[in-house]
Amino acid sequence: AVPLPLECPGGSSAWEEVTTSGSSRLCQGQRNPCNGSGELAWLCPENAACAPDGPGLIQCLCDSPFHGYKCLREPLTAASSQGTFPVLLFGGVLGAITLSLSLLLWGTQRRKAKTP
């Protein structure tokens, strides 16, 4: 039951029966938006199933073994591992660039330093 000026949670279409009596609105029989006849079932990605999540709301639950954004990720197996981040290569390149820029700036700005 909600006050008359307010809508039912999720809108009137989320309920089987909406009645008004006096100064209140009675919302009964929550509808399942995932029952196939609704328009919201197409919102879930290919590897997911629709599940009701409150009046007029749905949630998409990933089918096993999929997970992640839009259920597009599968768990890595030993045969399909994609390697690791190249820490030594990244650190070496970053260190070389930092050292080069530091030496360049030190050499160019050294002449502006005044000696006492």
PDB file of N, CA and C in Angstrom:
ATOM      1  N   ALA A   1       0.848  -1.177   0.000  1.00  0.00           N
ATOM      2  CA  ALA A   1       0.000   0.000   0.000  1.00  0.00           C
ATOM      3  C   ALA A   1       0.891   1.237   0.000  1.00  0.00           C
ATOM      4  N   VAL A   2       0.588   2.164  -0.871  1.00  0.00           N
ATOM      5  CA  VAL A   2       1.312   3.440  -0.956  1.00  0.00           C
ATOM      6  C   VAL A   2       0.296   4.564  -0.953  1.00  0.00           C
ATOM      7  N   PRO A   3       0.722   5.773  -0.564  1.00  0.00           N
ATOM      8  CA  PRO A   3      -0.210   6.911  -0.622  1.00  0.00           C
ATOM      9  C   PRO A   3      -0.691   7.146  -2.054  1.00  0.00           C
ATOM     10  N   LEU A   4      -1.886   7.647  -2.191  1.00  0.00           N
ATOM     11  CA  LEU A   4      -2.517   7.828  -3.488  1.00  0.00           C
ATOM     12  C   LEU A   4      -1.716   8.690  -4.465  1.00  0.00           C
ATOM     13  N   PRO A   5      -1.034   9.752  -4.010  1.00  0.00           N
ATOM     14  CA  PRO A   5      -0.262  10.552  -4.980  1.00  0.00           C
ATOM     15  C   PRO A   5       0.945   9.820  -5.579  1.00  0.00           C
ATOM     16  N   LEU A   6       1.360   8.716  -4.962  1.00  0.00           N
ATOM     17  CA  LEU A   6       2.535   7.988  -5.442  1.00  0.00           C
ATOM     18  C   LEU A   6       2.134   6.827  -6.349  1.00  0.00           C
ATOM     19  N   GLU A   7       3.044   6.500  -7.291  1.00  0.00           N
ATOM     20  CA  GLU A   7       2.861   5.329  -8.155  1.00  0.00           C
ATOM     21  C   GLU A   7       3.253   4.077  -7.384  1.00  0.00           C
ATOM     22  N   CYS A   8       2.831   2.929  -7.864  1.00  0.00           N
ATOM     23  CA  CYS A   8       3.304   1.662  -7.322  1.00  0.00           C
ATOM     24  C   CYS A   8       4.791   1.535  -7.645  1.00  0.00           C
ATOM     25  N   PRO A   9       5.590   0.888  -6.770  1.00  0.00           N
ATOM     26  CA  PRO A   9       7.012   0.702  -7.079  1.00  0.00           C
ATOM     27  C   PRO A   9       7.182  -0.050  -8.393  1.00  0.00           C
ATOM     28  N   GLY A  10       7.975   0.483  -9.294  1.00  0.00           N
ATOM     29  CA  GLY A  10       8.183  -0.143 -10.591  1.00  0.00           C
ATOM     30  C   GLY A  10       7.120   0.215 -11.609  1.00  0.00           C
ATOM     31  N   GLY A  11       6.134   1.016 -11.226  1.00  0.00           N
ATOM     32  CA  GLY A  11       5.057   1.391 -12.135  1.00  0.00           C
ATOM     33  C   GLY A  11       3.897   0.412 -12.063  1.00  0.00           C
ATOM     34  N   SER A  12       2.786   0.824 -12.573  1.00  0.00           N
ATOM     35  CA  SER A  12       1.578  -0.024 -12.516  1.00  0.00           C
ATOM     36  C   SER A  12       1.721  -1.296 -13.332  1.00  0.00           C
ATOM     37  N   SER A  13       2.547  -1.261 -14.375  1.00  0.00           N
ATOM     38  CA  SER A  13       2.702  -2.456 -15.219  1.00  0.00           C
ATOM     39  C   SER A  13       3.482  -3.564 -14.527  1.00  0.00           C
ATOM     40  N   ALA A  14       4.122  -3.277 -13.389  1.00  0.00           N
ATOM     41  CA  ALA A  14       4.885  -4.295 -12.666  1.00  0.00           C
ATOM     42  C   ALA A  14       4.010  -5.113 -11.721  1.00  0.00           C
ATOM     43  N   TRP A  15       2.711  -4.783 -11.661  1.00  0.00           N
ATOM     44  CA  TRP A  15       1.807  -5.449 -10.721  1.00  0.00           C
ATOM     45  C   TRP A  15       0.612  -6.046 -11.457  1.00  0.00           C
ATOM     46  N   GLU A  16       0.115  -7.174 -10.947  1.00  0.00           N
ATOM     47  CA  GLU A  16      -1.048  -7.831 -11.527  1.00  0.00           C
ATOM     48  C   GLU A  16      -2.310  -6.996 -11.288  1.00  0.00           C
ATOM     49  N   GLU A  17      -2.444  -6.458 -10.088  1.00  0.00           N
ATOM     50  CA  GLU A  17      -3.658  -5.743  -9.718  1.00  0.00           C
ATOM     51  C   GLU A  17      -3.307  -4.479  -8.945  1.00  0.00           C
ATOM     52  N   VAL A  18      -3.822  -3.347  -9.408  1.00  0.00           N
ATOM     53  CA  VAL A  18      -3.637  -2.065  -8.730  1.00  0.00           C
ATOM     54  C   VAL A  18      -5.021  -1.491  -8.440  1.00  0.00           C
ATOM     55  N   THR A  19      -5.306  -1.314  -7.137  1.00  0.00           N
ATOM     56  CA  THR A  19      -6.600  -0.765  -6.737  1.00  0.00           C
ATOM     57  C   THR A  19      -6.388   0.438  -5.842  1.00  0.00           C
ATOM     58  N   THR A  20      -7.347   1.330  -5.851  1.00  0.00           N
ATOM     59  CA  THR A  20      -7.298   2.500  -4.961  1.00  0.00           C
ATOM     60  C   THR A  20      -8.470   2.413  -4.006  1.00  0.00           C
ATOM     61  N   SER A  21      -8.192   2.726  -2.764  1.00  0.00           N
ATOM     62  CA  SER A  21      -9.260   2.755  -1.761  1.00  0.00           C
ATOM     63  C   SER A  21      -8.949   3.882  -0.785  1.00  0.00           C
ATOM     64  N   GLY A  22      -9.813   4.847  -0.748  1.00  0.00           N
ATOM     65  CA  GLY A  22      -9.632   5.982   0.152  1.00  0.00           C
ATOM     66  C   GLY A  22      -8.420   6.808  -0.246  1.00  0.00           C
ATOM     67  N   SER A  23      -7.453   6.901   0.652  1.00  0.00           N
ATOM     68  CA  SER A  23      -6.262   7.714   0.390  1.00  0.00           C
ATOM     69  C   SER A  23      -5.035   6.864   0.104  1.00  0.00           C
ATOM     70  N   SER A  24      -5.242   5.595  -0.253  1.00  0.00           N
ATOM     71  CA  SER A  24      -4.088   4.734  -0.530  1.00  0.00           C
ATOM     72  C   SER A  24      -4.290   3.941  -1.822  1.00  0.00           C
ATOM     73  N   ARG A  25      -3.175   3.519  -2.371  1.00  0.00           N
ATOM     74  CA  ARG A  25      -3.155   2.700  -3.587  1.00  0.00           C
ATOM     75  C   ARG A  25      -2.585   1.336  -3.181  1.00  0.00           C
ATOM     76  N   LEU A  26      -3.274   0.266  -3.559  1.00  0.00           N
ATOM     77  CA  LEU A  26      -2.859  -1.083  -3.184  1.00  0.00           C
ATOM     78  C   LEU A  26      -2.305  -1.800  -4.408  1.00  0.00           C
ATOM     79  N   CYS A  27      -1.036  -2.204  -4.328  1.00  0.00           N
ATOM     80  CA  CYS A  27      -0.350  -2.893  -5.423  1.00  0.00           C
ATOM     81  C   CYS A  27      -0.185  -4.353  -5.034  1.00  0.00           C
ATOM     82  N   GLN A  28      -0.807  -5.266  -5.811  1.00  0.00           N
ATOM     83  CA  GLN A  28      -0.785  -6.681  -5.440  1.00  0.00           C
ATOM     84  C   GLN A  28      -0.337  -7.534  -6.619  1.00  0.00           C
ATOM     85  N   GLY A  29       0.313  -8.641  -6.323  1.00  0.00           N
ATOM     86  CA  GLY A  29       0.699  -9.613  -7.337  1.00  0.00           C
ATOM     87  C   GLY A  29       1.810  -9.121  -8.249  1.00  0.00           C
ATOM     88  N   GLN A  30       2.995  -9.132  -7.731  1.00  0.00           N
ATOM     89  CA  GLN A  30       4.145  -8.650  -8.509  1.00  0.00           C
ATOM     90  C   GLN A  30       4.352  -9.506  -9.754  1.00  0.00           C
ATOM     91  N   ARG A  31       4.457  -8.885 -10.922  1.00  0.00           N
ATOM     92  CA  ARG A  31       4.669  -9.606 -12.178  1.00  0.00           C
ATOM     93  C   ARG A  31       6.141  -9.954 -12.352  1.00  0.00           C
ATOM     94  N   ASN A  32       6.391 -11.041 -13.070  1.00  0.00           N
ATOM     95  CA  ASN A  32       7.748 -11.477 -13.386  1.00  0.00           C
ATOM     96  C   ASN A  32       8.108 -10.938 -14.776  1.00  0.00           C
ATOM     97  N   PRO A  33       9.033  -9.966 -14.857  1.00  0.00           N
ATOM     98  CA  PRO A  33       9.375  -9.401 -16.171  1.00  0.00           C
ATOM     99  C   PRO A  33      10.198 -10.363 -17.031  1.00  0.00           C
ATOM    100  N   CYS A  34      10.620 -11.486 -16.480  1.00  0.00           N
ATOM    101  CA  CYS A  34      11.450 -12.450 -17.215  1.00  0.00           C
ATOM    102  C   CYS A  34      10.651 -13.613 -17.768  1.00  0.00           C
ATOM    103  N   ASN A  35       9.334 -13.541 -17.751  1.00  0.00           N
ATOM    104  CA  ASN A  35       8.523 -14.703 -18.130  1.00  0.00           C
ATOM    105  C   ASN A  35       8.471 -14.955 -19.631  1.00  0.00           C
ATOM    106  N   GLY A  36       9.202 -14.197 -20.429  1.00  0.00           N
ATOM    107  CA  GLY A  36       9.253 -14.449 -21.865  1.00  0.00           C
ATOM    108  C   GLY A  36       8.299 -13.581 -22.656  1.00  0.00           C
ATOM    109  N   SER A  37       7.143 -13.230 -22.079  1.00  0.00           N
ATOM    110  CA  SER A  37       6.220 -12.372 -22.812  1.00  0.00           C
ATOM    111  C   SER A  37       6.541 -10.902 -22.600  1.00  0.00           C
ATOM    112  N   GLY A  38       7.383 -10.611 -21.619  1.00  0.00           N
ATOM    113  CA  GLY A  38       7.770  -9.224 -21.361  1.00  0.00           C
ATOM    114  C   GLY A  38       8.769  -8.717 -22.371  1.00  0.00           C
ATOM    115  N   GLU A  39       9.005  -7.410 -22.350  1.00  0.00           N
ATOM    116  CA  GLU A  39       9.923  -6.797 -23.303  1.00  0.00           C
ATOM    117  C   GLU A  39      11.353  -6.743 -22.774  1.00  0.00           C
ATOM    118  N   LEU A  40      11.587  -7.083 -21.502  1.00  0.00           N
ATOM    119  CA  LEU A  40      12.900  -6.897 -20.901  1.00  0.00           C
ATOM    120  C   LEU A  40      13.840  -8.084 -21.065  1.00  0.00           C
ATOM    121  N   ALA A  41      13.340  -9.221 -21.526  1.00  0.00           N
ATOM    122  CA  ALA A  41      14.175 -10.420 -21.602  1.00  0.00           C
ATOM    123  C   ALA A  41      15.346 -10.229 -22.560  1.00  0.00           C
ATOM    124  N   TRP A  42      15.209  -9.395 -23.556  1.00  0.00           N
ATOM    125  CA  TRP A  42      16.286  -9.205 -24.536  1.00  0.00           C
ATOM    126  C   TRP A  42      17.442  -8.402 -23.977  1.00  0.00           C
ATOM    127  N   LEU A  43      17.299  -7.793 -22.816  1.00  0.00           N
ATOM    128  CA  LEU A  43      18.367  -6.981 -22.247  1.00  0.00           C
ATOM    129  C   LEU A  43      19.551  -7.810 -21.755  1.00  0.00           C
ATOM    130  N   CYS A  44      19.352  -9.062 -21.453  1.00  0.00           N
ATOM    131  CA  CYS A  44      20.433  -9.907 -20.958  1.00  0.00           C
ATOM    132  C   CYS A  44      21.295 -10.393 -22.118  1.00  0.00           C
ATOM    133  N   PRO A  45      22.623 -10.458 -21.894  1.00  0.00           N
ATOM    134  CA  PRO A  45      23.509 -10.934 -22.969  1.00  0.00           C
ATOM    135  C   PRO A  45      23.328 -12.429 -23.228  1.00  0.00           C
ATOM    136  N   GLU A  46      24.029 -12.899 -24.227  1.00  0.00           N
ATOM    137  CA  GLU A  46      23.865 -14.272 -24.709  1.00  0.00           C
ATOM    138  C   GLU A  46      24.145 -15.326 -23.638  1.00  0.00           C
ATOM    139  N   ASN A  47      25.154 -15.124 -22.812  1.00  0.00           N
ATOM    140  CA  ASN A  47      25.563 -16.133 -21.831  1.00  0.00           C
ATOM    141  C   ASN A  47      24.981 -15.867 -20.449  1.00  0.00           C
ATOM    142  N   ALA A  48      23.791 -15.282 -20.388  1.00  0.00           N
ATOM    143  CA  ALA A  48      23.185 -14.935 -19.107  1.00  0.00           C
ATOM    144  C   ALA A  48      21.700 -15.279 -19.111  1.00  0.00           C
ATOM    145  N   ALA A  49      21.153 -15.420 -17.910  1.00  0.00           N
ATOM    146  CA  ALA A  49      19.733 -15.698 -17.736  1.00  0.00           C
ATOM    147  C   ALA A  49      19.098 -14.546 -16.968  1.00  0.00           C
ATOM    148  N   CYS A  50      17.875 -14.232 -17.312  1.00  0.00           N
ATOM    149  CA  CYS A  50      17.129 -13.159 -16.658  1.00  0.00           C
ATOM    150  C   CYS A  50      16.571 -13.660 -15.329  1.00  0.00           C
ATOM    151  N   ALA A  51      16.604 -12.787 -14.299  1.00  0.00           N
ATOM    152  CA  ALA A  51      16.031 -13.122 -12.999  1.00  0.00           C
ATOM    153  C   ALA A  51      15.356 -11.870 -12.445  1.00  0.00           C
ATOM    154  N   PRO A  52      14.160 -11.997 -11.849  1.00  0.00           N
ATOM    155  CA  PRO A  52      13.498 -10.825 -11.276  1.00  0.00           C
ATOM    156  C   PRO A  52      14.301 -10.261 -10.111  1.00  0.00           C
ATOM    157  N   ASP A  53      14.272  -8.927  -9.980  1.00  0.00           N
ATOM    158  CA  ASP A  53      15.060  -8.261  -8.937  1.00  0.00           C
ATOM    159  C   ASP A  53      14.260  -7.135  -8.293  1.00  0.00           C
ATOM    160  N   GLY A  54      12.987  -7.374  -8.061  1.00  0.00           N
ATOM    161  CA  GLY A  54      12.134  -6.351  -7.474  1.00  0.00           C
ATOM    162  C   GLY A  54      11.074  -5.923  -8.474  1.00  0.00           C
ATOM    163  N   PRO A  55      10.156  -5.061  -8.050  1.00  0.00           N
ATOM    164  CA  PRO A  55       9.055  -4.651  -8.927  1.00  0.00           C
ATOM    165  C   PRO A  55       9.556  -3.929 -10.176  1.00  0.00           C
ATOM    166  N   GLY A  56       9.336  -4.512 -11.327  1.00  0.00           N
ATOM    167  CA  GLY A  56       9.730  -3.898 -12.587  1.00  0.00           C
ATOM    168  C   GLY A  56      11.214  -3.932 -12.869  1.00  0.00           C
ATOM    169  N   LEU A  57      11.991  -4.663 -12.075  1.00  0.00           N
ATOM    170  CA  LEU A  57      13.445  -4.716 -12.237  1.00  0.00           C
ATOM    171  C   LEU A  57      13.890  -6.136 -12.549  1.00  0.00           C
ATOM    172  N   ILE A  58      15.000  -6.232 -13.293  1.00  0.00           N
ATOM    173  CA  ILE A  58      15.578  -7.539 -13.587  1.00  0.00           C
ATOM    174  C   ILE A  58      17.065  -7.509 -13.281  1.00  0.00           C
ATOM    175  N   GLN A  59      17.648  -8.681 -13.169  1.00  0.00           N
ATOM    176  CA  GLN A  59      19.103  -8.820 -13.111  1.00  0.00           C
ATOM    177  C   GLN A  59      19.486  -9.969 -14.028  1.00  0.00           C
ATOM    178  N   CYS A  60      20.655  -9.849 -14.611  1.00  0.00           N
ATOM    179  CA  CYS A  60      21.144 -10.877 -15.513  1.00  0.00           C
ATOM    180  C   CYS A  60      22.197 -11.705 -14.783  1.00  0.00           C
ATOM    181  N   LEU A  61      21.957 -12.983 -14.639  1.00  0.00           N
ATOM    182  CA  LEU A  61      22.879 -13.884 -13.950  1.00  0.00           C
ATOM    183  C   LEU A  61      23.655 -14.671 -14.989  1.00  0.00           C
ATOM    184  N   CYS A  62      24.985 -14.607 -14.914  1.00  0.00           N
ATOM    185  CA  CYS A  62      25.835 -15.287 -15.889  1.00  0.00           C
ATOM    186  C   CYS A  62      25.700 -16.800 -15.767  1.00  0.00           C
ATOM    187  N   ASP A  63      25.602 -17.467 -16.914  1.00  0.00           N
ATOM    188  CA  ASP A  63      25.615 -18.926 -16.939  1.00  0.00           C
ATOM    189  C   ASP A  63      27.035 -19.400 -16.644  1.00  0.00           C
ATOM    190  N   SER A  64      27.154 -20.541 -15.981  1.00  0.00           N
ATOM    191  CA  SER A  64      28.472 -21.102 -15.686  1.00  0.00           C
ATOM    192  C   SER A  64      29.101 -21.600 -16.975  1.00  0.00           C
ATOM    193  N   PRO A  65      30.340 -21.396 -17.243  1.00  0.00           N
ATOM    194  CA  PRO A  65      31.445 -20.835 -16.470  1.00  0.00           C
ATOM    195  C   PRO A  65      31.720 -19.368 -16.801  1.00  0.00           C
ATOM    196  N   PHE A  66      30.792 -18.662 -17.463  1.00  0.00           N
ATOM    197  CA  PHE A  66      31.013 -17.281 -17.862  1.00  0.00           C
ATOM    198  C   PHE A  66      30.910 -16.342 -16.667  1.00  0.00           C
ATOM    199  N   HIS A  67      31.613 -15.210 -16.746  1.00  0.00           N
ATOM    200  CA  HIS A  67      31.569 -14.193 -15.700  1.00  0.00           C
ATOM    201  C   HIS A  67      32.031 -12.870 -16.298  1.00  0.00           C
ATOM    202  N   GLY A  68      32.009 -11.807 -15.494  1.00  0.00           N
ATOM    203  CA  GLY A  68      32.528 -10.515 -15.930  1.00  0.00           C
ATOM    204  C   GLY A  68      31.522  -9.683 -16.686  1.00  0.00           C
ATOM    205  N   TYR A  69      31.999  -8.598 -17.289  1.00  0.00           N
ATOM    206  CA  TYR A  69      31.159  -7.648 -17.999  1.00  0.00           C
ATOM    207  C   TYR A  69      30.413  -8.352 -19.137  1.00  0.00           C
ATOM    208  N   LYS A  70      29.101  -8.261 -19.105  1.00  0.00           N
ATOM    209  CA  LYS A  70      28.220  -8.887 -20.094  1.00  0.00           C
ATOM    210  C   LYS A  70      28.464 -10.387 -20.234  1.00  0.00           C
ATOM    211  N   CYS A  71      28.987 -11.014 -19.187  1.00  0.00           N
ATOM    212  CA  CYS A  71      29.194 -12.471 -19.144  1.00  0.00           C
ATOM    213  C   CYS A  71      30.028 -12.962 -20.328  1.00  0.00           C
ATOM    214  N   LEU A  72      31.029 -12.205 -20.725  1.00  0.00           N
ATOM    215  CA  LEU A  72      31.831 -12.561 -21.886  1.00  0.00           C
ATOM    216  C   LEU A  72      33.118 -13.284 -21.526  1.00  0.00           C
ATOM    217  N   ARG A  73      33.477 -13.346 -20.243  1.00  0.00           N
ATOM    218  CA  ARG A  73      34.747 -13.955 -19.859  1.00  0.00           C
ATOM    219  C   ARG A  73      34.550 -15.379 -19.388  1.00  0.00           C
ATOM    220  N   GLU A  74      35.441 -16.228 -19.841  1.00  0.00           N
ATOM    221  CA  GLU A  74      35.475 -17.610 -19.384  1.00  0.00           C
ATOM    222  C   GLU A  74      36.704 -17.765 -18.505  1.00  0.00           C
ATOM    223  N   PRO A  75      36.690 -18.684 -17.550  1.00  0.00           N
ATOM    224  CA  PRO A  75      37.887 -18.884 -16.728  1.00  0.00           C
ATOM    225  C   PRO A  75      39.043 -19.380 -17.586  1.00  0.00           C
ATOM    226  N   LEU A  76      40.245 -18.928 -17.260  1.00  0.00           N
ATOM    227  CA  LEU A  76      41.428 -19.362 -17.999  1.00  0.00           C
ATOM    228  C   LEU A  76      41.780 -20.787 -17.626  1.00  0.00           C
ATOM    229  N   THR A  77      42.132 -21.578 -18.613  1.00  0.00           N
ATOM    230  CA  THR A  77      42.615 -22.929 -18.357  1.00  0.00           C
ATOM    231  C   THR A  77      44.085 -22.981 -18.732  1.00  0.00           C
ATOM    232  N   ALA A  78      44.759 -24.043 -18.404  1.00  0.00           N
ATOM    233  CA  ALA A  78      46.189 -24.164 -18.701  1.00  0.00           C
ATOM    234  C   ALA A  78      46.436 -24.122 -20.204  1.00  0.00           C
ATOM    235  N   ALA A  79      45.518 -24.666 -20.982  1.00  0.00           N
ATOM    236  CA  ALA A  79      45.700 -24.710 -22.437  1.00  0.00           C
ATOM    237  C   ALA A  79      45.419 -23.363 -23.095  1.00  0.00           C
ATOM    238  N   SER A  80      44.606 -22.510 -22.430  1.00  0.00           N
ATOM    239  CA  SER A  80      44.238 -21.243 -23.077  1.00  0.00           C
ATOM    240  C   SER A  80      44.773 -20.029 -22.323  1.00  0.00           C
ATOM    241  N   SER A  81      45.801 -20.187 -21.508  1.00  0.00           N
ATOM    242  CA  SER A  81      46.326 -19.037 -20.768  1.00  0.00           C
ATOM    243  C   SER A  81      46.938 -18.047 -21.741  1.00  0.00           C
ATOM    244  N   GLN A  82      46.804 -16.780 -21.407  1.00  0.00           N
ATOM    245  CA  GLN A  82      47.230 -15.736 -22.310  1.00  0.00           C
ATOM    246  C   GLN A  82      48.554 -15.109 -21.877  1.00  0.00           C
ATOM    247  N   GLY A  83      49.270 -15.696 -20.978  1.00  0.00           N
ATOM    248  CA  GLY A  83      50.554 -15.151 -20.552  1.00  0.00           C
ATOM    249  C   GLY A  83      50.399 -14.161 -19.416  1.00  0.00           C
ATOM    250  N   THR A  84      51.535 -13.536 -19.076  1.00  0.00           N
ATOM    251  CA  THR A  84      51.547 -12.576 -17.982  1.00  0.00           C
ATOM    252  C   THR A  84      52.046 -11.236 -18.486  1.00  0.00           C
ATOM    253  N   PHE A  85      51.926 -10.241 -17.649  1.00  0.00           N
ATOM    254  CA  PHE A  85      52.368  -8.897 -17.996  1.00  0.00           C
ATOM    255  C   PHE A  85      53.895  -8.871 -18.039  1.00  0.00           C
ATOM    256  N   PRO A  86      54.505  -8.278 -19.086  1.00  0.00           N
ATOM    257  CA  PRO A  86      55.971  -8.243 -19.212  1.00  0.00           C
ATOM    258  C   PRO A  86      56.581  -7.184 -18.288  1.00  0.00           C
ATOM    259  N   VAL A  87      56.747  -7.531 -17.025  1.00  0.00           N
ATOM    260  CA  VAL A  87      57.217  -6.595 -16.010  1.00  0.00           C
ATOM    261  C   VAL A  87      58.630  -6.111 -16.321  1.00  0.00           C
ATOM    262  N   LEU A  88      59.548  -7.002 -16.670  1.00  0.00           N
ATOM    263  CA  LEU A  88      60.931  -6.598 -16.933  1.00  0.00           C
ATOM    264  C   LEU A  88      61.032  -5.665 -18.140  1.00  0.00           C
ATOM    265  N   LEU A  89      60.338  -5.977 -19.207  1.00  0.00           N
ATOM    266  CA  LEU A  89      60.356  -5.127 -20.391  1.00  0.00           C
ATOM    267  C   LEU A  89      59.767  -3.754 -20.072  1.00  0.00           C
ATOM    268  N   PHE A  90      58.624  -3.722 -19.401  1.00  0.00           N
ATOM    269  CA  PHE A  90      57.979  -2.461 -19.043  1.00  0.00           C
ATOM    270  C   PHE A  90      58.870  -1.633 -18.127  1.00  0.00           C
ATOM    271  N   GLY A  91      59.405  -2.258 -17.084  1.00  0.00           N
ATOM    272  CA  GLY A  91      60.281  -1.542 -16.147  1.00  0.00           C
ATOM    273  C   GLY A  91      61.552  -1.048 -16.812  1.00  0.00           C
ATOM    274  N   GLY A  92      62.137  -1.855 -17.699  1.00  0.00           N
ATOM    275  CA  GLY A  92      63.358  -1.446 -18.393  1.00  0.00           C
ATOM    276  C   GLY A  92      63.134  -0.251 -19.295  1.00  0.00           C
ATOM    277  N   VAL A  93      62.065  -0.278 -20.077  1.00  0.00           N
ATOM    278  CA  VAL A  93      61.762   0.845 -20.976  1.00  0.00           C
ATOM    279  C   VAL A  93      61.426   2.094 -20.170  1.00  0.00           C
ATOM    280  N   LEU A  94      60.609   1.956 -19.145  1.00  0.00           N
ATOM    281  CA  LEU A  94      60.260   3.097 -18.306  1.00  0.00           C
ATOM    282  C   LEU A  94      61.493   3.686 -17.625  1.00  0.00           C
ATOM    283  N   GLY A  95      62.369   2.838 -17.097  1.00  0.00           N
ATOM    284  CA  GLY A  95      63.598   3.310 -16.453  1.00  0.00           C
ATOM    285  C   GLY A  95      64.523   4.012 -17.437  1.00  0.00           C
ATOM    286  N   ALA A  96      64.679   3.459 -18.645  1.00  0.00           N
ATOM    287  CA  ALA A  96      65.557   4.071 -19.650  1.00  0.00           C
ATOM    288  C   ALA A  96      65.037   5.440 -20.078  1.00  0.00           C
ATOM    289  N   ILE A  97      63.744   5.569 -20.279  1.00  0.00           N
ATOM    290  CA  ILE A  97      63.169   6.854 -20.657  1.00  0.00           C
ATOM    291  C   ILE A  97      63.325   7.872 -19.536  1.00  0.00           C
ATOM    292  N   THR A  98      63.073   7.458 -18.304  1.00  0.00           N
ATOM    293  CA  THR A  98      63.210   8.363 -17.164  1.00  0.00           C
ATOM    294  C   THR A  98      64.651   8.824 -17.013  1.00  0.00           C
ATOM    295  N   LEU A  99      65.612   7.917 -17.106  1.00  0.00           N
ATOM    296  CA  LEU A  99      67.023   8.267 -16.977  1.00  0.00           C
ATOM    297  C   LEU A  99      67.450   9.209 -18.110  1.00  0.00           C
ATOM    298  N   SER A 100      67.026   8.946 -19.334  1.00  0.00           N
ATOM    299  CA  SER A 100      67.388   9.796 -20.476  1.00  0.00           C
ATOM    300  C   SER A 100      66.840  11.202 -20.309  1.00  0.00           C
ATOM    301  N   LEU A 101      65.586  11.316 -19.936  1.00  0.00           N
ATOM    302  CA  LEU A 101      65.003  12.643 -19.741  1.00  0.00           C
ATOM    303  C   LEU A 101      65.647  13.376 -18.575  1.00  0.00           C
ATOM    304  N   SER A 102      65.956  12.673 -17.513  1.00  0.00           N
ATOM    305  CA  SER A 102      66.610  13.301 -16.365  1.00  0.00           C
ATOM    306  C   SER A 102      67.981  13.844 -16.751  1.00  0.00           C
ATOM    307  N   LEU A 103      68.781  13.056 -17.479  1.00  0.00           N
ATOM    308  CA  LEU A 103      70.104  13.521 -17.916  1.00  0.00           C
ATOM    309  C   LEU A 103      69.995  14.706 -18.874  1.00  0.00           C
ATOM    310  N   LEU A 104      69.030  14.667 -19.779  1.00  0.00           N
ATOM    311  CA  LEU A 104      68.826  15.763 -20.716  1.00  0.00           C
ATOM    312  C   LEU A 104      68.462  17.054 -19.984  1.00  0.00           C
ATOM    313  N   LEU A 105      67.517  16.955 -19.072  1.00  0.00           N
ATOM    314  CA  LEU A 105      67.121  18.150 -18.313  1.00  0.00           C
ATOM    315  C   LEU A 105      68.244  18.645 -17.406  1.00  0.00           C
ATOM    316  N   TRP A 106      68.982  17.747 -16.771  1.00  0.00           N
ATOM    317  CA  TRP A 106      70.099  18.161 -15.915  1.00  0.00           C
ATOM    318  C   TRP A 106      71.157  18.882 -16.751  1.00  0.00           C
ATOM    319  N   GLY A 107      71.452  18.346 -17.944  1.00  0.00           N
ATOM    320  CA  GLY A 107      72.462  18.968 -18.805  1.00  0.00           C
ATOM    321  C   GLY A 107      72.028  20.312 -19.343  1.00  0.00           C
ATOM    322  N   THR A 108      70.788  20.463 -19.711  1.00  0.00           N
ATOM    323  CA  THR A 108      70.320  21.738 -20.260  1.00  0.00           C
ATOM    324  C   THR A 108      70.074  22.778 -19.193  1.00  0.00           C
ATOM    325  N   GLN A 109      69.722  22.379 -18.024  1.00  0.00           N
ATOM    326  CA  GLN A 109      69.436  23.341 -16.956  1.00  0.00           C
ATOM    327  C   GLN A 109      70.641  23.632 -16.082  1.00  0.00           C
ATOM    328  N   ARG A 110      71.712  22.924 -16.222  1.00  0.00           N
ATOM    329  CA  ARG A 110      72.927  23.093 -15.411  1.00  0.00           C
ATOM    330  C   ARG A 110      73.539  24.470 -15.636  1.00  0.00           C
ATOM    331  N   ARG A 111      73.518  24.966 -16.857  1.00  0.00           N
ATOM    332  CA  ARG A 111      74.145  26.256 -17.154  1.00  0.00           C
ATOM    333  C   ARG A 111      73.420  27.416 -16.497  1.00  0.00           C
ATOM    334  N   LYS A 112      72.145  27.211 -16.142  1.00  0.00           N
ATOM    335  CA  LYS A 112      71.400  28.272 -15.483  1.00  0.00           C
ATOM    336  C   LYS A 112      71.629  28.335 -13.987  1.00  0.00           C
ATOM    337  N   ALA A 113      72.259  27.307 -13.433  1.00  0.00           N
ATOM    338  CA  ALA A 113      72.551  27.281 -12.011  1.00  0.00           C
ATOM    339  C   ALA A 113      73.723  28.205 -11.723  1.00  0.00           C
ATOM    340  N   LYS A 114      73.542  29.093 -10.776  1.00  0.00           N
ATOM    341  CA  LYS A 114      74.598  30.057 -10.434  1.00  0.00           C
ATOM    342  C   LYS A 114      75.487  29.479  -9.327  1.00  0.00           C
ATOM    343  N   THR A 115      76.754  29.658  -9.484  1.00  0.00           N
ATOM    344  CA  THR A 115      77.684  29.194  -8.473  1.00  0.00           C
ATOM    345  C   THR A 115      78.052  30.375  -7.570  1.00  0.00           C
ATOM    346  N   PRO A 116      78.218  30.175  -6.282  1.00  0.00           N
ATOM    347  CA  PRO A 116      78.541  31.290  -5.377  1.00  0.00           C
ATOM    348  C   PRO A 116      79.929  31.815  -5.530  1.00  0.00           C
TER     349      PRO A 116
END
